[in-house]
PDB file of N, CA and C in Angstrom:
ATOM      1  N   UNK A   1     -68.405 -39.319 197.924  1.00  0.00           N
ATOM      2  CA  UNK A   1     -69.366 -40.043 198.597  1.00  0.00           C
ATOM      3  C   UNK A   1     -69.548 -39.592 200.124  1.00  0.00           C
ATOM      4  N   UNK A   2     -70.783 -39.902 200.422  1.00  0.00           N
ATOM      5  CA  UNK A   2     -71.110 -39.350 201.756  1.00  0.00           C
ATOM      6  C   UNK A   2     -70.865 -40.439 202.676  1.00  0.00           C
ATOM      7  N   UNK A   3     -71.038 -40.211 204.018  1.00  0.00           N
ATOM      8  CA  UNK A   3     -70.860 -40.978 205.108  1.00  0.00           C
ATOM      9  C   UNK A   3     -71.911 -42.173 205.137  1.00  0.00           C
ATOM     10  N   UNK A   4     -73.086 -41.762 204.661  1.00  0.00           N
ATOM     11  CA  UNK A   4     -74.070 -42.874 204.789  1.00  0.00           C
ATOM     12  C   UNK A   4     -73.777 -43.959 203.648  1.00  0.00           C
ATOM     13  N   UNK A   5     -73.405 -43.589 202.503  1.00  0.00           N
ATOM     14  CA  UNK A   5     -72.998 -44.498 201.573  1.00  0.00           C
ATOM     15  C   UNK A   5     -71.854 -45.455 201.901  1.00  0.00           C
ATOM     16  N   UNK A   6     -70.864 -44.815 202.506  1.00  0.00           N
ATOM     17  CA  UNK A   6     -69.739 -45.634 203.013  1.00  0.00           C
ATOM     18  C   UNK A   6     -70.133 -46.570 204.059  1.00  0.00           C
ATOM     19  N   UNK A   7     -70.889 -46.257 205.037  1.00  0.00           N
ATOM     20  CA  UNK A   7     -71.463 -47.170 206.060  1.00  0.00           C
ATOM     21  C   UNK A   7     -72.285 -48.146 205.451  1.00  0.00           C
ATOM     22  N   UNK A   8     -73.167 -48.021 204.502  1.00  0.00           N
ATOM     23  CA  UNK A   8     -73.957 -48.995 203.871  1.00  0.00           C
ATOM     24  C   UNK A   8     -73.264 -50.036 202.966  1.00  0.00           C
ATOM     25  N   UNK A   9     -72.214 -49.306 202.324  1.00  0.00           N
ATOM     26  CA  UNK A   9     -71.338 -50.261 201.619  1.00  0.00           C
ATOM     27  C   UNK A   9     -70.620 -51.181 202.471  1.00  0.00           C
ATOM     28  N   UNK A  10     -70.004 -50.706 203.631  1.00  0.00           N
ATOM     29  CA  UNK A  10     -69.278 -51.538 204.549  1.00  0.00           C
ATOM     30  C   UNK A  10     -70.219 -52.587 205.279  1.00  0.00           C
ATOM     31  N   UNK A  11     -71.407 -52.266 205.374  1.00  0.00           N
ATOM     32  CA  UNK A  11     -72.388 -53.276 206.163  1.00  0.00           C
ATOM     33  C   UNK A  11     -72.783 -54.266 205.069  1.00  0.00           C
ATOM     34  N   UNK A  12     -72.950 -53.849 203.788  1.00  0.00           N
ATOM     35  CA  UNK A  12     -73.233 -54.908 202.694  1.00  0.00           C
ATOM     36  C   UNK A  12     -72.114 -55.786 202.422  1.00  0.00           C
ATOM     37  N   UNK A  13     -70.924 -55.197 202.442  1.00  0.00           N
ATOM     38  CA  UNK A  13     -69.700 -56.042 202.258  1.00  0.00           C
ATOM     39  C   UNK A  13     -69.559 -56.965 203.381  1.00  0.00           C
ATOM     40  N   UNK A  14     -69.643 -56.545 204.679  1.00  0.00           N
ATOM     41  CA  UNK A  14     -69.592 -57.453 205.798  1.00  0.00           C
ATOM     42  C   UNK A  14     -70.597 -58.523 205.772  1.00  0.00           C
ATOM     43  N   UNK A  15     -71.883 -58.281 205.392  1.00  0.00           N
ATOM     44  CA  UNK A  15     -72.865 -59.240 205.214  1.00  0.00           C
ATOM     45  C   UNK A  15     -72.509 -60.293 204.049  1.00  0.00           C
ATOM     46  N   UNK A  16     -72.096 -59.765 203.053  1.00  0.00           N
ATOM     47  CA  UNK A  16     -71.539 -60.842 201.917  1.00  0.00           C
ATOM     48  C   UNK A  16     -70.446 -61.673 202.464  1.00  0.00           C
ATOM     49  N   UNK A  17     -69.415 -61.115 203.158  1.00  0.00           N
ATOM     50  CA  UNK A  17     -68.383 -62.003 203.744  1.00  0.00           C
ATOM     51  C   UNK A  17     -68.897 -63.004 204.715  1.00  0.00           C
ATOM     52  N   UNK A  18     -69.855 -62.673 205.584  1.00  0.00           N
ATOM     53  CA  UNK A  18     -70.315 -63.473 206.672  1.00  0.00           C
ATOM     54  C   UNK A  18     -71.191 -64.636 205.949  1.00  0.00           C
ATOM     55  N   UNK A  19     -71.901 -64.220 204.893  1.00  0.00           N
ATOM     56  CA  UNK A  19     -72.744 -65.253 204.081  1.00  0.00           C
ATOM     57  C   UNK A  19     -71.937 -66.264 203.541  1.00  0.00           C
ATOM     58  N   UNK A  20     -70.829 -65.772 202.784  1.00  0.00           N
ATOM     59  CA  UNK A  20     -69.806 -66.774 202.093  1.00  0.00           C
ATOM     60  C   UNK A  20     -69.183 -67.618 203.158  1.00  0.00           C
ATOM     61  N   UNK A  21     -68.801 -67.122 204.379  1.00  0.00           N
ATOM     62  CA  UNK A  21     -68.146 -67.791 205.265  1.00  0.00           C
ATOM     63  C   UNK A  21     -69.094 -69.053 205.809  1.00  0.00           C
ATOM     64  N   UNK A  22     -70.434 -68.640 206.036  1.00  0.00           N
ATOM     65  CA  UNK A  22     -71.360 -69.657 206.390  1.00  0.00           C
ATOM     66  C   UNK A  22     -71.520 -70.809 205.470  1.00  0.00           C
ATOM     67  N   UNK A  23     -71.624 -70.286 204.011  1.00  0.00           N
ATOM     68  CA  UNK A  23     -71.691 -71.272 203.090  1.00  0.00           C
ATOM     69  C   UNK A  23     -70.465 -72.249 202.820  1.00  0.00           C
ATOM     70  N   UNK A  24     -69.429 -71.722 203.008  1.00  0.00           N
ATOM     71  CA  UNK A  24     -68.125 -72.575 202.942  1.00  0.00           C
ATOM     72  C   UNK A  24     -67.989 -73.497 204.207  1.00  0.00           C
ATOM     73  N   UNK A  25     -68.423 -73.012 205.517  1.00  0.00           N
ATOM     74  CA  UNK A  25     -68.146 -73.759 206.599  1.00  0.00           C
ATOM     75  C   UNK A  25     -69.267 -74.955 206.825  1.00  0.00           C
ATOM     76  N   UNK A  26     -70.356 -74.692 206.217  1.00  0.00           N
ATOM     77  CA  UNK A  26     -71.564 -75.672 206.338  1.00  0.00           C
ATOM     78  C   UNK A  26     -71.167 -77.163 205.948  1.00  0.00           C
ATOM     79  N   UNK A  27     -70.643 -77.375 204.712  1.00  0.00           N
ATOM     80  CA  UNK A  27     -70.349 -78.629 204.396  1.00  0.00           C
ATOM     81  C   UNK A  27     -69.358 -79.257 205.130  1.00  0.00           C
ATOM     82  N   UNK A  28     -68.351 -78.618 205.587  1.00  0.00           N
ATOM     83  CA  UNK A  28     -67.409 -79.156 206.525  1.00  0.00           C
ATOM     84  C   UNK A  28     -68.004 -79.511 207.896  1.00  0.00           C
ATOM     85  N   UNK A  29     -68.883 -78.806 208.342  1.00  0.00           N
ATOM     86  CA  UNK A  29     -69.522 -79.070 209.685  1.00  0.00           C
ATOM     87  C   UNK A  29     -70.421 -80.256 209.489  1.00  0.00           C
ATOM     88  N   UNK A  30     -71.095 -80.504 208.513  1.00  0.00           N
ATOM     89  CA  UNK A  30     -71.923 -81.559 208.209  1.00  0.00           C
ATOM     90  C   UNK A  30     -71.096 -82.919 208.155  1.00  0.00           C
ATOM     91  N   UNK A  31     -69.873 -82.714 207.486  1.00  0.00           N
ATOM     92  CA  UNK A  31     -69.025 -84.034 207.422  1.00  0.00           C
ATOM     93  C   UNK A  31     -68.388 -84.408 208.694  1.00  0.00           C
ATOM     94  N   UNK A  32     -67.897 -83.202 209.444  1.00  0.00           N
ATOM     95  CA  UNK A  32     -67.464 -83.492 210.742  1.00  0.00           C
ATOM     96  C   UNK A  32     -68.491 -84.222 211.796  1.00  0.00           C
ATOM     97  N   UNK A  33     -69.589 -83.570 211.834  1.00  0.00           N
ATOM     98  CA  UNK A  33     -70.686 -84.319 212.556  1.00  0.00           C
ATOM     99  C   UNK A  33     -71.043 -85.632 212.160  1.00  0.00           C
ATOM    100  N   UNK A  34     -70.915 -85.918 210.888  1.00  0.00           N
ATOM    101  CA  UNK A  34     -71.136 -87.271 210.411  1.00  0.00           C
ATOM    102  C   UNK A  34     -70.052 -88.358 210.784  1.00  0.00           C
ATOM    103  N   UNK A  35     -68.917 -87.738 210.788  1.00  0.00           N
ATOM    104  CA  UNK A  35     -67.641 -88.629 211.336  1.00  0.00           C
ATOM    105  C   UNK A  35     -67.832 -88.973 212.760  1.00  0.00           C
ATOM    106  N   UNK A  36     -68.145 -87.919 213.548  1.00  0.00           N
ATOM    107  CA  UNK A  36     -68.433 -88.109 214.956  1.00  0.00           C
ATOM    108  C   UNK A  36     -69.383 -89.065 215.155  1.00  0.00           C
ATOM    109  N   UNK A  37     -70.599 -88.875 214.474  1.00  0.00           N
ATOM    110  CA  UNK A  37     -71.559 -89.826 214.662  1.00  0.00           C
ATOM    111  C   UNK A  37     -71.286 -91.298 214.215  1.00  0.00           C
ATOM    112  N   UNK A  38     -70.556 -91.454 213.170  1.00  0.00           N
ATOM    113  CA  UNK A  38     -70.190 -92.715 212.776  1.00  0.00           C
ATOM    114  C   UNK A  38     -69.322 -93.448 213.828  1.00  0.00           C
ATOM    115  N   UNK A  39     -68.448 -92.640 214.435  1.00  0.00           N
ATOM    116  CA  UNK A  39     -67.545 -93.289 215.376  1.00  0.00           C
ATOM    117  C   UNK A  39     -68.385 -93.786 216.639  1.00  0.00           C
ATOM    118  N   UNK A  40     -69.296 -92.890 217.053  1.00  0.00           N
ATOM    119  CA  UNK A  40     -70.120 -93.092 218.186  1.00  0.00           C
ATOM    120  C   UNK A  40     -71.112 -94.455 217.974  1.00  0.00           C
ATOM    121  N   UNK A  41     -71.544 -94.499 216.705  1.00  0.00           N
ATOM    122  CA  UNK A  41     -72.321 -95.720 216.166  1.00  0.00           C
ATOM    123  C   UNK A  41     -71.458 -96.982 216.388  1.00  0.00           C
ATOM    124  N   UNK A  42     -70.170 -96.808 215.862  1.00  0.00           N
ATOM    125  CA  UNK A  42     -69.231 -97.895 215.788  1.00  0.00           C
ATOM    126  C   UNK A  42     -69.000 -98.395 217.273  1.00  0.00           C
ATOM    127  N   UNK A  43     -68.852 -97.524 218.133  1.00  0.00           N
ATOM    128  CA  UNK A  43     -68.618 -97.683 219.563  1.00  0.00           C
ATOM    129  C   UNK A  43     -69.816 -98.535 220.240  1.00  0.00           C
ATOM    130  N   UNK A  44     -71.029 -98.014 219.861  1.00  0.00           N
ATOM    131  CA  UNK A  44     -72.219 -98.573 220.393  1.00  0.00           C
ATOM    132  C   UNK A  44     -72.411 -99.965 219.790  1.00  0.00           C
ATOM    133  N   UNK A  45     -71.991-100.218 218.560  1.00  0.00           N
ATOM    134  CA  UNK A  45     -72.222-101.451 217.998  1.00  0.00           C
ATOM    135  C   UNK A  45     -71.169-102.471 218.529  1.00  0.00           C
ATOM    136  N   UNK A  46     -70.053-101.967 219.163  1.00  0.00           N
ATOM    137  CA  UNK A  46     -69.077-102.823 219.711  1.00  0.00           C
ATOM    138  C   UNK A  46     -69.688-103.492 221.008  1.00  0.00           C
ATOM    139  N   UNK A  47     -70.557-102.714 221.709  1.00  0.00           N
ATOM    140  CA  UNK A  47     -71.169-103.196 222.947  1.00  0.00           C
ATOM    141  C   UNK A  47     -71.847-104.431 222.720  1.00  0.00           C
ATOM    142  N   UNK A  48     -72.575-104.553 221.656  1.00  0.00           N
ATOM    143  CA  UNK A  48     -73.435-105.641 221.370  1.00  0.00           C
ATOM    144  C   UNK A  48     -74.856-105.688 221.872  1.00  0.00           C
ATOM    145  N   UNK A  49     -75.104-104.645 222.561  1.00  0.00           N
ATOM    146  CA  UNK A  49     -76.539-104.507 223.237  1.00  0.00           C
ATOM    147  C   UNK A  49     -77.558-104.145 222.141  1.00  0.00           C
ATOM    148  N   UNK A  50     -77.165-103.167 221.272  1.00  0.00           N
ATOM    149  CA  UNK A  50     -78.091-102.784 220.200  1.00  0.00           C
ATOM    150  C   UNK A  50     -77.158-102.713 218.976  1.00  0.00           C
ATOM    151  N   UNK A  51     -77.767-102.977 217.845  1.00  0.00           N
ATOM    152  CA  UNK A  51     -76.935-102.962 216.532  1.00  0.00           C
ATOM    153  C   UNK A  51     -77.732-101.956 215.576  1.00  0.00           C
ATOM    154  N   UNK A  52     -76.935-100.900 215.191  1.00  0.00           N
ATOM    155  CA  UNK A  52     -77.477 -99.874 214.382  1.00  0.00           C
ATOM    156  C   UNK A  52     -76.553 -99.775 213.146  1.00  0.00           C
ATOM    157  N   UNK A  53     -76.979-100.081 211.985  1.00  0.00           N
ATOM    158  CA  UNK A  53     -76.270-100.068 210.883  1.00  0.00           C
ATOM    159  C   UNK A  53     -75.635 -98.640 210.561  1.00  0.00           C
ATOM    160  N   UNK A  54     -74.404 -98.563 210.232  1.00  0.00           N
ATOM    161  CA  UNK A  54     -73.736 -97.212 209.998  1.00  0.00           C
ATOM    162  C   UNK A  54     -73.965 -96.879 208.768  1.00  0.00           C
ATOM    163  N   UNK A  55     -74.837 -95.813 208.424  1.00  0.00           N
ATOM    164  CA  UNK A  55     -75.092 -95.118 207.297  1.00  0.00           C
ATOM    165  C   UNK A  55     -74.892 -93.611 207.340  1.00  0.00           C
ATOM    166  N   UNK A  56     -74.733 -92.910 206.351  1.00  0.00           N
ATOM    167  CA  UNK A  56     -74.544 -91.427 206.498  1.00  0.00           C
ATOM    168  C   UNK A  56     -75.643 -90.780 207.135  1.00  0.00           C
ATOM    169  N   UNK A  57     -76.895 -91.273 206.874  1.00  0.00           N
ATOM    170  CA  UNK A  57     -78.024 -90.594 207.640  1.00  0.00           C
ATOM    171  C   UNK A  57     -78.093 -90.850 209.130  1.00  0.00           C
ATOM    172  N   UNK A  58     -77.886 -92.099 209.414  1.00  0.00           N
ATOM    173  CA  UNK A  58     -77.766 -92.436 210.733  1.00  0.00           C
ATOM    174  C   UNK A  58     -76.613 -91.766 211.530  1.00  0.00           C
ATOM    175  N   UNK A  59     -75.529 -91.716 210.923  1.00  0.00           N
ATOM    176  CA  UNK A  59     -74.289 -91.012 211.471  1.00  0.00           C
ATOM    177  C   UNK A  59     -74.608 -89.468 211.628  1.00  0.00           C
ATOM    178  N   UNK A  60     -75.292 -88.870 210.686  1.00  0.00           N
ATOM    179  CA  UNK A  60     -75.672 -87.538 210.723  1.00  0.00           C
ATOM    180  C   UNK A  60     -76.651 -87.258 211.935  1.00  0.00           C
ATOM    181  N   UNK A  61     -77.516 -88.077 212.054  1.00  0.00           N
ATOM    182  CA  UNK A  61     -78.550 -87.962 213.166  1.00  0.00           C
ATOM    183  C   UNK A  61     -77.846 -88.062 214.485  1.00  0.00           C
ATOM    184  N   UNK A  62     -77.040 -88.897 214.648  1.00  0.00           N
ATOM    185  CA  UNK A  62     -76.269 -89.030 215.823  1.00  0.00           C
ATOM    186  C   UNK A  62     -75.250 -88.031 216.122  1.00  0.00           C
ATOM    187  N   UNK A  63     -74.509 -87.572 215.033  1.00  0.00           N
ATOM    188  CA  UNK A  63     -73.778 -86.439 215.087  1.00  0.00           C
ATOM    189  C   UNK A  63     -74.326 -85.093 215.438  1.00  0.00           C
ATOM    190  N   UNK A  64     -75.492 -84.971 214.917  1.00  0.00           N
ATOM    191  CA  UNK A  64     -76.151 -83.505 215.076  1.00  0.00           C
ATOM    192  C   UNK A  64     -76.946 -83.486 216.457  1.00  0.00           C
ATOM    193  N   UNK A  65     -77.571 -84.730 216.865  1.00  0.00           N
ATOM    194  CA  UNK A  65     -78.478 -84.680 217.969  1.00  0.00           C
ATOM    195  C   UNK A  65     -77.798 -85.303 219.289  1.00  0.00           C
ATOM    196  N   UNK A  66     -76.665 -85.925 219.016  1.00  0.00           N
ATOM    197  CA  UNK A  66     -75.990 -86.570 220.175  1.00  0.00           C
ATOM    198  C   UNK A  66     -76.667 -87.631 220.723  1.00  0.00           C
ATOM    199  N   UNK A  67     -76.661 -87.870 222.028  1.00  0.00           N
ATOM    200  CA  UNK A  67     -77.242 -88.863 222.866  1.00  0.00           C
ATOM    201  C   UNK A  67     -78.735 -89.027 222.534  1.00  0.00           C
ATOM    202  N   UNK A  68     -79.345 -88.082 222.635  1.00  0.00           N
ATOM    203  CA  UNK A  68     -80.810 -88.113 222.459  1.00  0.00           C
ATOM    204  C   UNK A  68     -81.188 -88.732 221.030  1.00  0.00           C
ATOM    205  N   UNK A  69     -80.313 -88.210 220.072  1.00  0.00           N
ATOM    206  CA  UNK A  69     -80.476 -88.909 218.693  1.00  0.00           C
ATOM    207  C   UNK A  69     -80.168 -90.289 218.600  1.00  0.00           C
ATOM    208  N   UNK A  70     -79.181 -90.798 219.292  1.00  0.00           N
ATOM    209  CA  UNK A  70     -78.716 -92.121 219.388  1.00  0.00           C
ATOM    210  C   UNK A  70     -79.700 -92.883 220.016  1.00  0.00           C
ATOM    211  N   UNK A  71     -80.430 -92.442 221.279  1.00  0.00           N
ATOM    212  CA  UNK A  71     -81.482 -93.124 221.819  1.00  0.00           C
ATOM    213  C   UNK A  71     -82.749 -93.335 220.833  1.00  0.00           C
ATOM    214  N   UNK A  72     -83.238 -92.133 220.317  1.00  0.00           N
ATOM    215  CA  UNK A  72     -84.244 -92.132 219.373  1.00  0.00           C
ATOM    216  C   UNK A  72     -83.990 -93.115 218.224  1.00  0.00           C
ATOM    217  N   UNK A  73     -82.851 -93.045 217.667  1.00  0.00           N
ATOM    218  CA  UNK A  73     -82.630 -93.950 216.478  1.00  0.00           C
ATOM    219  C   UNK A  73     -82.593 -95.329 217.000  1.00  0.00           C
ATOM    220  N   UNK A  74     -82.124 -95.704 218.181  1.00  0.00           N
ATOM    221  CA  UNK A  74     -81.969 -97.062 218.654  1.00  0.00           C
ATOM    222  C   UNK A  74     -83.403 -97.597 218.851  1.00  0.00           C
ATOM    223  N   UNK A  75     -84.417 -96.715 219.470  1.00  0.00           N
ATOM    224  CA  UNK A  75     -85.720 -97.015 219.714  1.00  0.00           C
ATOM    225  C   UNK A  75     -86.486 -97.280 218.506  1.00  0.00           C
ATOM    226  N   UNK A  76     -86.230 -96.328 217.380  1.00  0.00           N
ATOM    227  CA  UNK A  76     -87.002 -96.424 216.188  1.00  0.00           C
ATOM    228  C   UNK A  76     -86.529 -97.693 215.468  1.00  0.00           C
ATOM    229  N   UNK A  77     -85.229 -98.072 215.333  1.00  0.00           N
ATOM    230  CA  UNK A  77     -84.681 -99.078 214.476  1.00  0.00           C
ATOM    231  C   UNK A  77     -85.080-100.460 215.197  1.00  0.00           C
ATOM    232  N   UNK A  78     -84.918-100.602 216.514  1.00  0.00           N
ATOM    233  CA  UNK A  78     -85.047-101.848 217.160  1.00  0.00           C
ATOM    234  C   UNK A  78     -86.425-102.184 217.691  1.00  0.00           C
ATOM    235  N   UNK A  79     -87.193-101.193 217.890  1.00  0.00           N
ATOM    236  CA  UNK A  79     -88.449-101.491 218.423  1.00  0.00           C
ATOM    237  C   UNK A  79     -89.705-101.121 217.617  1.00  0.00           C
ATOM    238  N   UNK A  80     -89.695-100.028 216.734  1.00  0.00           N
ATOM    239  CA  UNK A  80     -90.785 -99.469 216.191  1.00  0.00           C
ATOM    240  C   UNK A  80     -90.836-100.059 214.748  1.00  0.00           C
ATOM    241  N   UNK A  81     -89.675-100.051 214.017  1.00  0.00           N
ATOM    242  CA  UNK A  81     -89.546-100.408 212.626  1.00  0.00           C
ATOM    243  C   UNK A  81     -89.610-102.061 212.503  1.00  0.00           C
TER     244      UNK A  81
END
């Protein structure tokens, strides 16, 4: 085999490994962000100022977008909907 075939093989192998790593980590990242979002929603609900039902979608929105997601969700659920 020549040098070009070896380099291409290594590049393709590395690309496959990185793709598999991404596909394996993605569900765990979604679950982790949802758990963090649920905890934040629980803490917000303890204050009593606003009440947001804790669902997977709400927790995911807050977990992914953070404080802006929490504010947007609160405005949507309490004032628009």
